[in-house]
Structure formats: structure tokens, C-alpha cells
Amino acid sequence: MGDDKDLVGKGAENRAKGAVKKTEGKTRDAVGDATDDKGEQAKGKFQVLKGKAQQKLGEAQQKLGRDED
């Protein structure tokens, strides 16, 4: 089924993009901490959460795509 493979592919893409967002967020948080910029820290923490959510979405997409086989 082509749609299932697309779902698995989209899942992999979302997992990768989520990992990048998490890394960027951790960096932003660290920069905010180093510069005592609470706003930047908050943005970094929020970005980490968005990355985690995107990774979980990707995991679910991949699982759904594989379970249909």
C-alpha cells in the first residue's frame, strides 16, 4: 500500500525535524542561560517541547504505517 509507505516516510521526516528542533531549542536555552536572558531561555524550552511533540507524531505515523502491512 503506497499510503502506508508515505506515512512511514512522513513519520521519519517528522522524527528528524523534531530532533533538529530539540537541538536548536537546547542551544537557545543554553544561550539564554549564559546571557541571563529569560525570554530566550523560555523560547528555547518551548522549542524543545515542540521538537519532542513532532518526534512523537513521527513515531505514531511510522507505527501506523507499519501496522497496516
C-alpha atoms as a PDB file:
ATOM      1  CA  MET A   1       0.000   0.000   0.000  1.00  0.00           C
ATOM      2  CA  GLY A   2       1.537   3.262  -1.138  1.00  0.00           C
ATOM      3  CA  ASP A   3      -0.197   5.368   1.503  1.00  0.00           C
ATOM      4  CA  ASP A   4       1.344   3.302   4.306  1.00  0.00           C
ATOM      5  CA  LYS A   5       4.839   3.821   2.946  1.00  0.00           C
ATOM      6  CA  ASP A   6       4.104   7.534   2.646  1.00  0.00           C
ATOM      7  CA  LEU A   7       3.018   7.572   6.282  1.00  0.00           C
ATOM      8  CA  VAL A   8       6.207   5.798   7.335  1.00  0.00           C
ATOM      9  CA  GLY A   9       8.252   8.284   5.309  1.00  0.00           C
ATOM     10  CA  LYS A  10       6.409  11.255   6.775  1.00  0.00           C
ATOM     11  CA  GLY A  11       6.958   9.773  10.213  1.00  0.00           C
ATOM     12  CA  ALA A  12      10.695   9.514   9.641  1.00  0.00           C
ATOM     13  CA  GLU A  13      10.753  13.090   8.387  1.00  0.00           C
ATOM     14  CA  ASN A  14       8.837  14.354  11.421  1.00  0.00           C
ATOM     15  CA  ARG A  15      11.129  12.468  13.784  1.00  0.00           C
ATOM     16  CA  ALA A  16      14.200  14.024  12.150  1.00  0.00           C
ATOM     17  CA  LYS A  17      12.734  17.538  12.104  1.00  0.00           C
ATOM     18  CA  GLY A  18      11.695  17.130  15.734  1.00  0.00           C
ATOM     19  CA  ALA A  19      15.228  16.152  16.703  1.00  0.00           C
ATOM     20  CA  VAL A  20      16.580  19.266  14.995  1.00  0.00           C
ATOM     21  CA  LYS A  21      14.043  21.460  16.799  1.00  0.00           C
ATOM     22  CA  LYS A  22      15.014  19.902  20.126  1.00  0.00           C
ATOM     23  CA  THR A  23      18.694  20.571  19.479  1.00  0.00           C
ATOM     24  CA  GLU A  24      18.023  24.163  18.411  1.00  0.00           C
ATOM     25  CA  GLY A  25      15.873  24.668  21.482  1.00  0.00           C
ATOM     26  CA  LYS A  26      18.526  23.314  23.820  1.00  0.00           C
ATOM     27  CA  THR A  27      21.046  25.646  22.229  1.00  0.00           C
ATOM     28  CA  ARG A  28      18.712  28.630  22.601  1.00  0.00           C
ATOM     29  CA  ASP A  29      18.065  27.715  26.216  1.00  0.00           C
ATOM     30  CA  ALA A  30      21.800  27.494  26.906  1.00  0.00           C
ATOM     31  CA  VAL A  31      22.474  30.832  25.212  1.00  0.00           C
ATOM     32  CA  GLY A  32      19.681  32.408  27.227  1.00  0.00           C
ATOM     33  CA  ASP A  33      21.146  30.965  30.403  1.00  0.00           C
ATOM     34  CA  ALA A  34      24.642  32.198  29.554  1.00  0.00           C
ATOM     35  CA  THR A  35      23.398  35.708  28.738  1.00  0.00           C
ATOM     36  CA  ASP A  36      20.845  35.770  31.575  1.00  0.00           C
ATOM     37  CA  ASP A  37      18.056  36.257  29.007  1.00  0.00           C
ATOM     38  CA  LYS A  38      14.976  34.607  30.493  1.00  0.00           C
ATOM     39  CA  GLY A  39      12.945  35.256  27.330  1.00  0.00           C
ATOM     40  CA  GLU A  40      15.451  33.387  25.184  1.00  0.00           C
ATOM     41  CA  GLN A  41      15.525  30.559  27.705  1.00  0.00           C
ATOM     42  CA  ALA A  42      11.739  30.293  27.577  1.00  0.00           C
ATOM     43  CA  LYS A  43      11.752  30.263  23.775  1.00  0.00           C
ATOM     44  CA  GLY A  44      14.371  27.517  23.871  1.00  0.00           C
ATOM     45  CA  LYS A  45      12.391  25.398  26.310  1.00  0.00           C
ATOM     46  CA  PHE A  46       9.253  25.835  24.205  1.00  0.00           C
ATOM     47  CA  GLN A  47      11.152  24.826  21.073  1.00  0.00           C
ATOM     48  CA  VAL A  48      12.392  21.685  22.838  1.00  0.00           C
ATOM     49  CA  LEU A  49       8.790  20.789  23.674  1.00  0.00           C
ATOM     50  CA  LYS A  50       7.702  21.375  20.078  1.00  0.00           C
ATOM     51  CA  GLY A  51      10.522  19.120  18.914  1.00  0.00           C
ATOM     52  CA  LYS A  52       9.507  16.364  21.318  1.00  0.00           C
ATOM     53  CA  ALA A  53       5.904  16.601  20.140  1.00  0.00           C
ATOM     54  CA  GLN A  54       6.960  16.416  16.498  1.00  0.00           C
ATOM     55  CA  GLN A  55       9.100  13.370  17.237  1.00  0.00           C
ATOM     56  CA  LYS A  56       6.158  11.647  18.956  1.00  0.00           C
ATOM     57  CA  LEU A  57       3.959  12.449  15.947  1.00  0.00           C
ATOM     58  CA  GLY A  58       6.571  10.897  13.689  1.00  0.00           C
ATOM     59  CA  GLU A  59       6.777   7.788  15.850  1.00  0.00           C
ATOM     60  CA  ALA A  60       2.991   7.406  15.729  1.00  0.00           C
ATOM     61  CA  GLN A  61       2.936   7.885  11.947  1.00  0.00           C
ATOM     62  CA  GLN A  62       5.605   5.254  11.482  1.00  0.00           C
ATOM     63  CA  LYS A  63       3.825   2.813  13.771  1.00  0.00           C
ATOM     64  CA  LEU A  64       0.517   3.303  11.961  1.00  0.00           C
ATOM     65  CA  GLY A  65       2.179   2.874   8.596  1.00  0.00           C
ATOM     66  CA  ARG A  66       3.892  -0.339   9.678  1.00  0.00           C
ATOM     67  CA  ASP A  67       0.824  -1.785  11.435  1.00  0.00           C
ATOM     68  CA  GLU A  68      -1.179  -1.584   8.216  1.00  0.00           C
ATOM     69  CA  ASP A  69       1.137  -4.071   6.490  1.00  0.00           C
END
